[in-house]
């Protein structure tokens, strides 16, 4: 009985590791840029990925295009079909004054979350990004490159 349980446990562990490694290797095939992604409240995001490393820059602009704050977010990408998972390991404010804005609040809230889940839908050179955290919304961006080895 104990041997059977051990075999089942090892099998399940192997399946889990294989699934994770598939996403990691598939995501390491990325070479893309997301540009012209304007979210809301004068926030703008530029995102690039190369060999699985993702770098995102979040800008908050004043009405006259003056940058109030900039955040740099770094992580690793896993891809399972249209599901993209970012494993964030670094998030820091690289520019900004003492006043806090919506981009600052968004990044401070997100600091505690190391895994971010998105669904990507491609239509031509546009991508629609579906997110549920911190609020449900659909983002639109220009897309150049490839997201993974399989797509």
C-alpha atoms as a PDB file:
ATOM      1  CA  UNK A   1       0.000   0.000   0.000  1.00  0.00           C
ATOM      2  CA  UNK A   2       2.808   2.427   0.909  1.00  0.00           C
ATOM      3  CA  UNK A   3       4.701   1.602  -2.296  1.00  0.00           C
ATOM      4  CA  UNK A   4       1.590   2.252  -4.375  1.00  0.00           C
ATOM      5  CA  UNK A   5       1.094   5.632  -2.679  1.00  0.00           C
ATOM      6  CA  UNK A   6       4.754   6.512  -3.250  1.00  0.00           C
ATOM      7  CA  UNK A   7       4.534   5.609  -6.945  1.00  0.00           C
ATOM      8  CA  UNK A   8       1.373   7.692  -7.380  1.00  0.00           C
ATOM      9  CA  UNK A   9       2.975  10.638  -5.557  1.00  0.00           C
ATOM     10  CA  UNK A  10       6.109  10.479  -7.710  1.00  0.00           C
ATOM     11  CA  UNK A  11       3.997  10.221 -10.855  1.00  0.00           C
ATOM     12  CA  UNK A  12       1.912  13.267  -9.898  1.00  0.00           C
ATOM     13  CA  UNK A  13       5.062  15.214  -8.967  1.00  0.00           C
ATOM     14  CA  UNK A  14       6.609  14.345 -12.354  1.00  0.00           C
ATOM     15  CA  UNK A  15       3.474  15.483 -14.191  1.00  0.00           C
ATOM     16  CA  UNK A  16       3.450  18.779 -12.265  1.00  0.00           C
ATOM     17  CA  UNK A  17       7.147  19.473 -12.917  1.00  0.00           C
ATOM     18  CA  UNK A  18       6.738  18.561 -16.602  1.00  0.00           C
ATOM     19  CA  UNK A  19       3.771  20.930 -16.935  1.00  0.00           C
ATOM     20  CA  UNK A  20       5.708  23.776 -15.281  1.00  0.00           C
ATOM     21  CA  UNK A  21       8.788  23.123 -17.433  1.00  0.00           C
ATOM     22  CA  UNK A  22       6.656  23.104 -20.600  1.00  0.00           C
ATOM     23  CA  UNK A  23       5.349  26.586 -19.758  1.00  0.00           C
ATOM     24  CA  UNK A  24       8.822  27.840 -18.868  1.00  0.00           C
ATOM     25  CA  UNK A  25      10.509  26.510 -22.022  1.00  0.00           C
ATOM     26  CA  UNK A  26       7.605  27.582 -24.239  1.00  0.00           C
ATOM     27  CA  UNK A  27       7.661  31.062 -22.684  1.00  0.00           C
ATOM     28  CA  UNK A  28      11.433  31.284 -23.175  1.00  0.00           C
ATOM     29  CA  UNK A  29      10.803  31.422 -26.922  1.00  0.00           C
ATOM     30  CA  UNK A  30       9.427  34.952 -26.684  1.00  0.00           C
ATOM     31  CA  UNK A  31      10.715  37.880 -28.666  1.00  0.00           C
ATOM     32  CA  UNK A  32       8.070  40.599 -28.674  1.00  0.00           C
ATOM     33  CA  UNK A  33       7.120  44.149 -27.847  1.00  0.00           C
ATOM     34  CA  UNK A  34       3.776  45.540 -26.789  1.00  0.00           C
ATOM     35  CA  UNK A  35       3.492  49.215 -27.675  1.00  0.00           C
ATOM     36  CA  UNK A  36       0.788  51.876 -27.640  1.00  0.00           C
ATOM     37  CA  UNK A  37      -0.919  50.237 -24.653  1.00  0.00           C
ATOM     38  CA  UNK A  38      -2.843  53.069 -23.041  1.00  0.00           C
ATOM     39  CA  UNK A  39      -4.794  51.848 -20.049  1.00  0.00           C
ATOM     40  CA  UNK A  40      -6.689  54.491 -18.125  1.00  0.00           C
ATOM     41  CA  UNK A  41      -6.136  57.588 -15.991  1.00  0.00           C
ATOM     42  CA  UNK A  42      -3.211  58.785 -18.156  1.00  0.00           C
ATOM     43  CA  UNK A  43      -1.336  55.521 -17.623  1.00  0.00           C
ATOM     44  CA  UNK A  44       0.735  53.975 -20.392  1.00  0.00           C
ATOM     45  CA  UNK A  45       2.584  50.647 -20.488  1.00  0.00           C
ATOM     46  CA  UNK A  46       5.444  49.438 -22.666  1.00  0.00           C
ATOM     47  CA  UNK A  47       6.291  45.742 -22.398  1.00  0.00           C
ATOM     48  CA  UNK A  48       8.989  43.618 -24.015  1.00  0.00           C
ATOM     49  CA  UNK A  49      10.004  39.995 -23.693  1.00  0.00           C
ATOM     50  CA  UNK A  50      13.141  38.250 -24.894  1.00  0.00           C
ATOM     51  CA  UNK A  51      14.118  34.657 -24.095  1.00  0.00           C
ATOM     52  CA  UNK A  52      11.571  34.465 -21.319  1.00  0.00           C
ATOM     53  CA  UNK A  53      12.536  37.660 -19.498  1.00  0.00           C
ATOM     54  CA  UNK A  54       9.770  40.260 -19.368  1.00  0.00           C
ATOM     55  CA  UNK A  55      10.372  43.952 -18.704  1.00  0.00           C
ATOM     56  CA  UNK A  56       7.429  46.329 -18.342  1.00  0.00           C
ATOM     57  CA  UNK A  57       7.560  50.085 -17.919  1.00  0.00           C
ATOM     58  CA  UNK A  58       4.488  51.761 -16.435  1.00  0.00           C
ATOM     59  CA  UNK A  59       4.267  55.516 -17.038  1.00  0.00           C
ATOM     60  CA  UNK A  60       1.860  57.961 -15.480  1.00  0.00           C
ATOM     61  CA  UNK A  61       1.530  61.175 -17.471  1.00  0.00           C
ATOM     62  CA  UNK A  62       0.024  64.495 -16.585  1.00  0.00           C
ATOM     63  CA  UNK A  63      -2.368  66.121 -19.042  1.00  0.00           C
ATOM     64  CA  UNK A  64       0.496  67.919 -20.840  1.00  0.00           C
ATOM     65  CA  UNK A  65       2.436  64.644 -21.329  1.00  0.00           C
ATOM     66  CA  UNK A  66       4.807  65.375 -18.434  1.00  0.00           C
ATOM     67  CA  UNK A  67       5.808  62.066 -16.797  1.00  0.00           C
ATOM     68  CA  UNK A  68       4.826  61.996 -13.117  1.00  0.00           C
ATOM     69  CA  UNK A  69       6.140  58.523 -12.314  1.00  0.00           C
ATOM     70  CA  UNK A  70       7.731  55.498 -13.967  1.00  0.00           C
ATOM     71  CA  UNK A  71       7.805  51.935 -12.652  1.00  0.00           C
ATOM     72  CA  UNK A  72       9.970  49.093 -13.961  1.00  0.00           C
ATOM     73  CA  UNK A  73       8.668  45.549 -13.500  1.00  0.00           C
ATOM     74  CA  UNK A  74      10.789  42.479 -14.325  1.00  0.00           C
ATOM     75  CA  UNK A  75       9.815  38.846 -14.425  1.00  0.00           C
ATOM     76  CA  UNK A  76       9.784  35.497 -16.223  1.00  0.00           C
ATOM     77  CA  UNK A  77       7.109  34.375 -18.629  1.00  0.00           C
ATOM     78  CA  UNK A  78       5.296  31.032 -18.789  1.00  0.00           C
ATOM     79  CA  UNK A  79       2.966  30.314 -21.727  1.00  0.00           C
ATOM     80  CA  UNK A  80       0.231  27.672 -21.915  1.00  0.00           C
ATOM     81  CA  UNK A  81      -1.698  28.311 -25.140  1.00  0.00           C
ATOM     82  CA  UNK A  82      -3.387  31.718 -24.792  1.00  0.00           C
ATOM     83  CA  UNK A  83      -2.711  31.805 -21.034  1.00  0.00           C
ATOM     84  CA  UNK A  84       0.346  33.888 -20.111  1.00  0.00           C
ATOM     85  CA  UNK A  85       1.724  33.842 -16.571  1.00  0.00           C
ATOM     86  CA  UNK A  86       4.281  36.371 -15.390  1.00  0.00           C
ATOM     87  CA  UNK A  87       6.467  35.402 -12.422  1.00  0.00           C
ATOM     88  CA  UNK A  88       7.464  38.849 -11.143  1.00  0.00           C
ATOM     89  CA  UNK A  89      10.747  39.088  -9.245  1.00  0.00           C
ATOM     90  CA  UNK A  90      11.457  42.832  -9.287  1.00  0.00           C
ATOM     91  CA  UNK A  91       9.189  45.896  -9.158  1.00  0.00           C
ATOM     92  CA  UNK A  92      10.586  49.364  -8.450  1.00  0.00           C
ATOM     93  CA  UNK A  93       9.812  53.010  -8.995  1.00  0.00           C
ATOM     94  CA  UNK A  94      12.516  54.539 -11.172  1.00  0.00           C
ATOM     95  CA  UNK A  95      11.156  58.067 -11.574  1.00  0.00           C
ATOM     96  CA  UNK A  96       8.716  60.297  -9.765  1.00  0.00           C
ATOM     97  CA  UNK A  97       8.187  62.887  -7.110  1.00  0.00           C
ATOM     98  CA  UNK A  98       6.646  62.642  -3.672  1.00  0.00           C
ATOM     99  CA  UNK A  99       3.041  62.800  -4.862  1.00  0.00           C
ATOM    100  CA  UNK A 100       1.399  59.410  -5.264  1.00  0.00           C
ATOM    101  CA  UNK A 101      -0.773  58.738  -8.319  1.00  0.00           C
ATOM    102  CA  UNK A 102      -2.855  55.807  -9.612  1.00  0.00           C
ATOM    103  CA  UNK A 103       0.178  54.121 -11.215  1.00  0.00           C
ATOM    104  CA  UNK A 104       2.021  54.237  -7.896  1.00  0.00           C
ATOM    105  CA  UNK A 105      -0.986  52.788  -6.046  1.00  0.00           C
ATOM    106  CA  UNK A 106      -1.441  50.045  -8.667  1.00  0.00           C
ATOM    107  CA  UNK A 107       2.206  48.967  -8.361  1.00  0.00           C
ATOM    108  CA  UNK A 108       2.227  49.152  -4.557  1.00  0.00           C
ATOM    109  CA  UNK A 109      -0.886  46.960  -4.427  1.00  0.00           C
ATOM    110  CA  UNK A 110       0.621  44.523  -6.937  1.00  0.00           C
ATOM    111  CA  UNK A 111       3.936  44.255  -5.042  1.00  0.00           C
ATOM    112  CA  UNK A 112       2.579  41.428  -2.926  1.00  0.00           C
ATOM    113  CA  UNK A 113       1.628  39.327  -5.951  1.00  0.00           C
ATOM    114  CA  UNK A 114       4.431  37.414  -7.641  1.00  0.00           C
ATOM    115  CA  UNK A 115       2.251  35.627 -10.226  1.00  0.00           C
ATOM    116  CA  UNK A 116       0.092  37.553 -12.682  1.00  0.00           C
ATOM    117  CA  UNK A 117      -2.291  35.768 -15.058  1.00  0.00           C
ATOM    118  CA  UNK A 118      -3.433  37.091 -18.440  1.00  0.00           C
ATOM    119  CA  UNK A 119      -5.182  35.743 -21.512  1.00  0.00           C
ATOM    120  CA  UNK A 120      -3.837  36.955 -24.864  1.00  0.00           C
ATOM    121  CA  UNK A 121      -6.023  37.026 -27.997  1.00  0.00           C
ATOM    122  CA  UNK A 122      -4.339  37.959 -31.283  1.00  0.00           C
ATOM    123  CA  UNK A 123      -6.101  39.699 -34.172  1.00  0.00           C
ATOM    124  CA  UNK A 124      -3.609  40.696 -36.871  1.00  0.00           C
ATOM    125  CA  UNK A 125      -0.898  42.844 -35.313  1.00  0.00           C
ATOM    126  CA  UNK A 126      -3.133  43.727 -32.345  1.00  0.00           C
ATOM    127  CA  UNK A 127      -3.383  41.818 -29.102  1.00  0.00           C
ATOM    128  CA  UNK A 128      -6.267  41.902 -26.648  1.00  0.00           C
ATOM    129  CA  UNK A 129      -5.139  41.205 -23.092  1.00  0.00           C
ATOM    130  CA  UNK A 130      -7.763  40.039 -20.624  1.00  0.00           C
ATOM    131  CA  UNK A 131      -7.023  40.573 -16.941  1.00  0.00           C
ATOM    132  CA  UNK A 132      -8.982  39.993 -13.750  1.00  0.00           C
ATOM    133  CA  UNK A 133      -6.642  41.602 -11.210  1.00  0.00           C
ATOM    134  CA  UNK A 134      -6.819  44.208  -9.745  1.00  0.00           C
ATOM    135  CA  UNK A 135      -9.969  44.748 -11.810  1.00  0.00           C
ATOM    136  CA  UNK A 136     -11.564  43.061 -14.797  1.00  0.00           C
ATOM    137  CA  UNK A 137     -10.597  44.794 -18.023  1.00  0.00           C
ATOM    138  CA  UNK A 138      -9.478  44.252 -21.589  1.00  0.00           C
ATOM    139  CA  UNK A 139      -6.331  46.028 -22.746  1.00  0.00           C
ATOM    140  CA  UNK A 140      -5.444  46.575 -26.403  1.00  0.00           C
ATOM    141  CA  UNK A 141      -1.927  46.924 -27.732  1.00  0.00           C
ATOM    142  CA  UNK A 142       0.124  46.800 -30.909  1.00  0.00           C
ATOM    143  CA  UNK A 143       2.103  43.552 -31.035  1.00  0.00           C
ATOM    144  CA  UNK A 144       5.401  42.853 -32.793  1.00  0.00           C
ATOM    145  CA  UNK A 145       7.191  39.516 -32.577  1.00  0.00           C
ATOM    146  CA  UNK A 146       6.272  36.130 -31.176  1.00  0.00           C
ATOM    147  CA  UNK A 147       4.994  35.248 -27.751  1.00  0.00           C
ATOM    148  CA  UNK A 148       6.384  31.721 -27.399  1.00  0.00           C
ATOM    149  CA  UNK A 149       7.895  28.759 -29.201  1.00  0.00           C
ATOM    150  CA  UNK A 150       4.444  27.433 -30.093  1.00  0.00           C
ATOM    151  CA  UNK A 151       2.643  30.660 -31.079  1.00  0.00           C
END
